[in-house]
N, C-alpha and C. Protein backbone atom coordinates (compact mmCIF):
# COMPACT_ATOMS: atom_id res chain seq x y z
N UNK A 1 0.85 -1.17 0.00
CA UNK A 1 0.00 0.00 0.00
C UNK A 1 0.90 1.24 0.00
N UNK A 2 0.58 2.17 -0.86
CA UNK A 2 1.33 3.42 -0.92
C UNK A 2 0.74 4.37 0.12
N UNK A 3 1.63 4.97 0.95
CA UNK A 3 1.20 5.93 1.97
C UNK A 3 2.06 7.18 1.88
N UNK A 4 1.61 8.22 2.53
CA UNK A 4 2.41 9.42 2.72
C UNK A 4 2.04 10.01 4.06
N UNK A 5 2.92 10.86 4.57
CA UNK A 5 2.64 11.43 5.87
C UNK A 5 3.58 12.56 6.21
N UNK A 6 3.39 13.04 7.44
CA UNK A 6 4.20 14.16 7.91
C UNK A 6 4.13 14.24 9.43
N UNK A 7 4.98 15.11 9.95
CA UNK A 7 4.89 15.45 11.36
C UNK A 7 3.69 16.38 11.55
N UNK A 8 3.41 16.77 12.76
CA UNK A 8 2.26 17.62 13.07
C UNK A 8 2.35 18.98 12.38
N UNK A 9 3.54 19.57 12.32
CA UNK A 9 3.69 20.90 11.73
C UNK A 9 3.97 20.88 10.24
N UNK A 10 4.24 19.71 9.65
CA UNK A 10 4.50 19.60 8.22
C UNK A 10 5.95 19.82 7.81
N UNK A 11 6.84 20.00 8.75
CA UNK A 11 8.26 20.24 8.46
C UNK A 11 8.91 19.00 7.82
N UNK A 12 8.61 17.82 8.35
CA UNK A 12 9.15 16.56 7.82
C UNK A 12 8.02 15.85 7.10
N UNK A 13 8.26 15.48 5.84
CA UNK A 13 7.26 14.74 5.05
C UNK A 13 7.92 13.52 4.42
N UNK A 14 7.09 12.54 4.06
CA UNK A 14 7.63 11.30 3.49
C UNK A 14 6.57 10.60 2.66
N UNK A 15 7.04 9.65 1.86
CA UNK A 15 6.21 8.69 1.13
C UNK A 15 6.77 7.31 1.42
N UNK A 16 5.94 6.29 1.38
CA UNK A 16 6.43 4.93 1.63
C UNK A 16 5.49 3.91 1.03
N UNK A 17 5.99 2.72 0.92
CA UNK A 17 5.22 1.55 0.51
C UNK A 17 5.23 0.60 1.71
N UNK A 18 4.05 0.19 2.19
CA UNK A 18 3.97 -0.68 3.37
C UNK A 18 3.04 -1.86 3.10
N UNK A 19 3.12 -2.86 3.97
CA UNK A 19 2.18 -3.98 3.97
C UNK A 19 1.22 -3.74 5.13
N UNK A 20 -0.05 -3.43 4.88
CA UNK A 20 -1.00 -3.14 5.96
C UNK A 20 -1.19 -4.30 6.93
N UNK A 21 -0.85 -5.52 6.53
CA UNK A 21 -0.99 -6.69 7.39
C UNK A 21 0.08 -6.75 8.47
N UNK A 22 1.08 -5.86 8.40
CA UNK A 22 2.18 -5.87 9.38
C UNK A 22 2.05 -4.79 10.45
N UNK A 23 0.98 -3.99 10.41
CA UNK A 23 0.80 -2.93 11.41
C UNK A 23 0.62 -3.57 12.78
N UNK A 24 1.33 -3.03 13.79
CA UNK A 24 1.28 -3.64 15.11
C UNK A 24 1.26 -2.60 16.22
N UNK A 25 0.85 -3.06 17.40
CA UNK A 25 0.83 -2.25 18.62
C UNK A 25 1.95 -2.74 19.52
N UNK A 26 2.69 -1.81 20.11
CA UNK A 26 3.72 -2.16 21.08
C UNK A 26 3.37 -1.53 22.43
N UNK A 27 3.37 -2.36 23.47
CA UNK A 27 3.06 -1.90 24.82
C UNK A 27 4.30 -1.75 25.69
N UNK A 28 5.51 -1.82 25.11
CA UNK A 28 6.72 -1.76 25.94
C UNK A 28 6.80 -0.42 26.67
N UNK A 29 7.54 -0.41 27.76
CA UNK A 29 7.64 0.82 28.56
C UNK A 29 8.35 1.93 27.81
N UNK A 30 9.28 1.60 26.91
CA UNK A 30 9.91 2.65 26.10
C UNK A 30 8.88 3.32 25.20
N UNK A 31 8.04 2.54 24.53
CA UNK A 31 7.01 3.14 23.67
C UNK A 31 6.03 3.97 24.50
N UNK A 32 5.71 3.51 25.70
CA UNK A 32 4.82 4.28 26.57
C UNK A 32 5.45 5.63 26.90
N UNK A 33 6.73 5.62 27.26
CA UNK A 33 7.39 6.88 27.63
C UNK A 33 7.60 7.79 26.42
N UNK A 34 7.95 7.21 25.27
CA UNK A 34 8.20 8.02 24.08
C UNK A 34 6.93 8.64 23.50
N UNK A 35 5.77 8.03 23.77
CA UNK A 35 4.51 8.57 23.24
C UNK A 35 3.71 9.31 24.31
N UNK A 36 3.98 9.04 25.58
CA UNK A 36 3.14 9.59 26.63
C UNK A 36 1.78 8.91 26.65
N UNK A 37 1.71 7.68 26.15
CA UNK A 37 0.45 6.95 26.04
C UNK A 37 0.67 5.50 26.48
N UNK A 38 -0.38 4.69 26.37
CA UNK A 38 -0.33 3.30 26.81
C UNK A 38 0.34 2.37 25.79
N UNK A 39 0.46 2.82 24.55
CA UNK A 39 1.06 1.99 23.51
C UNK A 39 1.40 2.84 22.29
N UNK A 40 2.11 2.22 21.35
CA UNK A 40 2.46 2.88 20.10
C UNK A 40 2.05 1.96 18.96
N UNK A 41 1.53 2.54 17.88
CA UNK A 41 1.15 1.78 16.69
C UNK A 41 2.17 2.09 15.59
N UNK A 42 2.67 1.02 14.95
CA UNK A 42 3.74 1.17 13.97
C UNK A 42 3.45 0.34 12.71
N UNK A 43 3.82 0.90 11.56
CA UNK A 43 3.75 0.18 10.28
C UNK A 43 5.18 -0.09 9.83
N UNK A 44 5.68 -1.33 10.00
CA UNK A 44 7.05 -1.64 9.58
C UNK A 44 7.15 -1.81 8.06
N UNK A 45 8.32 -1.45 7.53
CA UNK A 45 8.58 -1.60 6.09
C UNK A 45 10.09 -1.59 5.86
N UNK A 46 10.56 -2.20 4.78
CA UNK A 46 11.99 -2.09 4.48
C UNK A 46 12.41 -0.62 4.32
N UNK A 47 13.60 -0.28 4.80
CA UNK A 47 14.10 1.09 4.73
C UNK A 47 14.08 1.61 3.30
N UNK A 48 14.33 0.74 2.34
CA UNK A 48 14.35 1.15 0.93
C UNK A 48 12.97 1.62 0.45
N UNK A 49 11.91 1.29 1.20
CA UNK A 49 10.54 1.68 0.81
C UNK A 49 10.13 3.04 1.36
N UNK A 50 11.02 3.72 2.09
CA UNK A 50 10.71 5.02 2.68
C UNK A 50 11.50 6.09 1.93
N UNK A 51 10.82 7.16 1.53
CA UNK A 51 11.47 8.27 0.85
C UNK A 51 11.10 9.57 1.55
N UNK A 52 12.09 10.25 2.10
CA UNK A 52 11.85 11.55 2.72
C UNK A 52 11.63 12.57 1.62
N UNK A 53 10.56 13.37 1.75
CA UNK A 53 10.22 14.35 0.72
C UNK A 53 10.30 15.78 1.23
N UNK A 54 10.54 15.96 2.50
CA UNK A 54 10.64 17.30 3.09
C UNK A 54 11.96 17.44 3.82
N UNK A 55 11.93 18.16 4.89
CA UNK A 55 13.12 18.37 5.71
C UNK A 55 13.48 17.09 6.47
N UNK A 56 14.75 16.92 6.82
CA UNK A 56 15.14 15.69 7.54
C UNK A 56 14.68 15.71 8.99
N UNK A 57 14.37 14.51 9.52
CA UNK A 57 14.02 14.42 10.94
C UNK A 57 15.27 14.48 11.80
N UNK A 58 15.07 14.65 13.09
CA UNK A 58 16.15 14.59 14.07
C UNK A 58 16.19 13.16 14.60
N UNK A 59 17.34 12.76 15.14
CA UNK A 59 17.54 11.38 15.57
C UNK A 59 17.92 11.33 17.05
N UNK A 60 17.30 10.38 17.76
CA UNK A 60 17.63 10.08 19.15
C UNK A 60 17.83 8.57 19.23
N UNK A 61 18.90 8.12 19.87
CA UNK A 61 19.16 6.69 20.01
C UNK A 61 18.83 6.24 21.43
N UNK A 62 18.02 5.20 21.54
CA UNK A 62 17.57 4.66 22.83
C UNK A 62 17.89 3.18 22.88
N UNK A 63 18.44 2.71 23.98
CA UNK A 63 18.63 1.28 24.18
C UNK A 63 17.34 0.72 24.77
N UNK A 64 16.73 -0.21 24.06
CA UNK A 64 15.43 -0.76 24.46
C UNK A 64 15.53 -1.74 25.62
N UNK A 65 14.35 -2.14 26.12
CA UNK A 65 14.27 -3.13 27.21
C UNK A 65 14.95 -4.44 26.83
N UNK A 66 15.00 -4.75 25.54
CA UNK A 66 15.62 -5.99 25.08
C UNK A 66 17.12 -5.84 24.83
N UNK A 67 17.69 -4.65 25.11
CA UNK A 67 19.12 -4.42 24.96
C UNK A 67 19.56 -3.91 23.60
N UNK A 68 18.67 -3.92 22.63
CA UNK A 68 19.02 -3.44 21.29
C UNK A 68 18.86 -1.92 21.20
N UNK A 69 19.73 -1.30 20.42
CA UNK A 69 19.63 0.15 20.21
C UNK A 69 18.55 0.42 19.18
N UNK A 70 17.71 1.40 19.48
CA UNK A 70 16.63 1.80 18.57
C UNK A 70 16.82 3.27 18.22
N UNK A 71 16.81 3.56 16.94
CA UNK A 71 16.94 4.93 16.46
C UNK A 71 15.53 5.52 16.37
N UNK A 72 15.32 6.60 17.06
CA UNK A 72 14.01 7.26 17.11
C UNK A 72 14.09 8.55 16.30
N UNK A 73 13.38 8.63 15.19
CA UNK A 73 13.37 9.81 14.34
C UNK A 73 12.14 10.65 14.66
N UNK A 74 12.34 11.95 14.80
CA UNK A 74 11.23 12.84 15.13
C UNK A 74 11.46 14.21 14.49
N UNK A 75 10.42 15.02 14.46
CA UNK A 75 10.52 16.36 13.88
C UNK A 75 11.31 17.27 14.82
N UNK A 76 12.32 17.99 14.30
CA UNK A 76 13.08 18.90 15.15
C UNK A 76 12.30 20.17 15.52
N UNK A 77 11.19 20.42 14.83
CA UNK A 77 10.39 21.61 15.10
C UNK A 77 9.25 21.35 16.09
N UNK A 78 8.42 20.32 15.82
CA UNK A 78 7.25 20.08 16.67
C UNK A 78 7.39 18.86 17.58
N UNK A 79 8.42 18.04 17.37
CA UNK A 79 8.67 16.89 18.23
C UNK A 79 7.87 15.64 17.89
N UNK A 80 7.08 15.65 16.82
CA UNK A 80 6.28 14.48 16.46
C UNK A 80 7.17 13.27 16.19
N UNK A 81 6.86 12.11 16.80
CA UNK A 81 7.60 10.89 16.46
C UNK A 81 7.20 10.43 15.06
N UNK A 82 8.19 10.00 14.26
CA UNK A 82 7.92 9.65 12.87
C UNK A 82 8.34 8.23 12.48
N UNK A 83 9.56 7.85 12.83
CA UNK A 83 10.10 6.56 12.41
C UNK A 83 10.95 5.96 13.53
N UNK A 84 11.17 4.67 13.42
CA UNK A 84 12.15 3.98 14.25
C UNK A 84 12.91 3.01 13.37
N UNK A 85 14.13 2.73 13.75
CA UNK A 85 14.95 1.74 13.06
C UNK A 85 15.95 1.20 14.07
N UNK A 86 16.67 0.19 13.68
CA UNK A 86 17.69 -0.36 14.53
C UNK A 86 19.07 -0.10 13.95
N UNK A 87 20.04 -0.83 14.48
CA UNK A 87 21.40 -0.74 13.96
C UNK A 87 21.77 -2.07 13.33
N UNK A 88 22.81 -2.07 12.50
CA UNK A 88 23.24 -3.30 11.85
C UNK A 88 22.15 -3.85 10.96
N UNK A 89 21.88 -5.16 11.09
CA UNK A 89 20.84 -5.77 10.24
C UNK A 89 19.45 -5.22 10.57
N UNK A 90 19.25 -4.72 11.80
CA UNK A 90 17.96 -4.12 12.17
C UNK A 90 17.72 -2.78 11.47
N UNK A 91 18.77 -2.20 10.86
CA UNK A 91 18.63 -0.92 10.16
C UNK A 91 17.89 -1.08 8.83
N UNK A 92 17.75 -2.31 8.37
CA UNK A 92 17.11 -2.55 7.08
C UNK A 92 15.59 -2.43 7.14
N UNK A 93 15.03 -2.34 8.35
CA UNK A 93 13.58 -2.16 8.48
C UNK A 93 13.29 -0.91 9.31
N UNK A 94 12.39 -0.11 8.81
CA UNK A 94 11.94 1.09 9.53
C UNK A 94 10.52 0.86 10.00
N UNK A 95 10.20 1.42 11.15
CA UNK A 95 8.84 1.43 11.64
C UNK A 95 8.29 2.84 11.48
N UNK A 96 7.22 2.97 10.74
CA UNK A 96 6.60 4.28 10.53
C UNK A 96 5.51 4.45 11.58
N UNK A 97 5.55 5.54 12.30
CA UNK A 97 4.58 5.80 13.37
C UNK A 97 3.21 6.11 12.77
N UNK A 98 2.24 5.32 13.20
CA UNK A 98 0.88 5.34 12.67
C UNK A 98 0.27 6.74 12.65
N UNK A 99 0.48 7.51 13.70
CA UNK A 99 -0.12 8.84 13.78
C UNK A 99 0.37 9.81 12.73
N UNK A 100 1.52 9.53 12.13
CA UNK A 100 2.06 10.42 11.10
C UNK A 100 1.58 10.07 9.69
N UNK A 101 0.91 8.93 9.55
CA UNK A 101 0.47 8.45 8.24
C UNK A 101 -0.87 9.08 7.87
N UNK A 102 -0.94 9.68 6.69
CA UNK A 102 -2.19 10.32 6.26
C UNK A 102 -3.32 9.29 6.09
N UNK A 103 -3.01 8.10 5.67
CA UNK A 103 -4.02 7.05 5.44
C UNK A 103 -4.22 6.16 6.67
N UNK A 104 -3.92 6.66 7.85
CA UNK A 104 -3.92 5.83 9.06
C UNK A 104 -5.24 5.15 9.36
N UNK A 105 -6.36 5.74 9.00
CA UNK A 105 -7.65 5.12 9.33
C UNK A 105 -7.90 3.83 8.54
N UNK A 106 -7.11 3.59 7.50
CA UNK A 106 -7.22 2.35 6.73
C UNK A 106 -6.26 1.27 7.28
N UNK A 107 -5.55 1.59 8.36
CA UNK A 107 -4.51 0.69 8.86
C UNK A 107 -4.81 0.21 10.29
N UNK A 108 -5.52 -0.89 10.39
CA UNK A 108 -5.83 -1.48 11.70
C UNK A 108 -4.68 -2.40 12.12
N UNK A 109 -4.26 -2.33 13.39
CA UNK A 109 -3.21 -3.23 13.87
C UNK A 109 -3.63 -4.70 13.75
N UNK A 110 -2.65 -5.55 13.46
CA UNK A 110 -2.89 -6.98 13.29
C UNK A 110 -2.29 -7.82 14.41
N UNK A 111 -1.43 -7.20 15.26
CA UNK A 111 -0.84 -7.93 16.39
C UNK A 111 -0.37 -6.95 17.44
N UNK A 112 -0.08 -7.49 18.64
CA UNK A 112 0.45 -6.68 19.75
C UNK A 112 1.70 -7.36 20.29
N UNK A 113 2.64 -6.54 20.75
CA UNK A 113 3.85 -7.07 21.37
C UNK A 113 4.07 -6.38 22.71
N UNK A 114 4.94 -6.98 23.53
CA UNK A 114 5.24 -6.50 24.88
C UNK A 114 3.96 -6.31 25.71
N UNK A 115 3.05 -7.25 25.59
CA UNK A 115 1.76 -7.17 26.29
C UNK A 115 1.90 -7.20 27.81
N UNK A 116 2.99 -7.76 28.32
CA UNK A 116 3.16 -7.79 29.78
C UNK A 116 3.27 -6.37 30.36
N UNK A 117 3.62 -5.38 29.54
CA UNK A 117 3.73 -4.00 29.99
C UNK A 117 2.45 -3.20 29.79
N UNK A 118 1.46 -3.80 29.18
CA UNK A 118 0.19 -3.08 28.92
C UNK A 118 -0.55 -2.82 30.23
N UNK A 119 -1.08 -1.61 30.41
CA UNK A 119 -1.88 -1.37 31.61
C UNK A 119 -3.16 -2.20 31.55
N UNK A 120 -3.68 -2.64 32.70
CA UNK A 120 -4.84 -3.53 32.69
C UNK A 120 -6.09 -2.91 32.08
N UNK A 121 -6.21 -1.60 32.08
CA UNK A 121 -7.42 -0.96 31.55
C UNK A 121 -7.49 -0.94 30.02
N UNK A 122 -6.38 -1.26 29.32
CA UNK A 122 -6.38 -1.23 27.86
C UNK A 122 -7.44 -2.17 27.29
N UNK A 123 -7.63 -3.32 27.92
CA UNK A 123 -8.60 -4.30 27.42
C UNK A 123 -10.04 -3.81 27.50
N UNK A 124 -10.30 -2.82 28.33
CA UNK A 124 -11.69 -2.37 28.51
C UNK A 124 -11.95 -0.97 27.91
N UNK A 125 -11.03 -0.44 27.15
CA UNK A 125 -11.17 0.91 26.63
C UNK A 125 -12.42 1.08 25.75
N UNK A 126 -12.80 0.01 25.04
CA UNK A 126 -14.00 0.06 24.20
C UNK A 126 -15.29 0.21 24.98
N UNK A 127 -15.24 -0.08 26.28
CA UNK A 127 -16.44 0.02 27.11
C UNK A 127 -16.65 1.44 27.66
N UNK A 128 -15.67 2.32 27.50
CA UNK A 128 -15.79 3.68 28.03
C UNK A 128 -16.79 4.50 27.21
N UNK A 129 -17.55 5.37 27.87
CA UNK A 129 -18.44 6.24 27.10
C UNK A 129 -17.59 7.21 26.26
N UNK A 130 -18.10 7.60 25.11
CA UNK A 130 -17.35 8.48 24.23
C UNK A 130 -18.25 9.48 23.52
N UNK A 131 -17.60 10.52 22.95
CA UNK A 131 -18.29 11.56 22.19
C UNK A 131 -17.59 11.72 20.85
N UNK A 132 -18.31 12.12 19.84
CA UNK A 132 -17.75 12.34 18.51
C UNK A 132 -16.70 13.46 18.52
N UNK A 133 -16.96 14.53 19.28
CA UNK A 133 -16.03 15.66 19.39
C UNK A 133 -16.05 16.15 20.83
N UNK A 134 -15.21 17.13 21.14
CA UNK A 134 -15.20 17.67 22.49
C UNK A 134 -15.50 19.15 22.44
């Protein structure tokens, strides 16, 4: 599937080709801290399938709970998280952050990882009352 996206302010833009069947949710504590939320949704794809079309993102390197280094790409202007990658052979795959994808509503997650770190209320979020807008 062909996608495109940007950070919140539009400073960093990109195009990519992804497999919608690979979209996943991560509940690890690093993803929780990096998003300020209970989980992060990512669309993985080979690095060769990502093309930056705007300004370059900024890079932060974090050692994950599993000991591997993860490269966290984000907008230097607004701070929006955009991509993740690893080092060495892990550098060949990038994870595109779901919230930055313009076609995100067509991309439902197909699996979850690091579920042991998920807060217990995540399973019941669908039961909460909601409103269309605020």
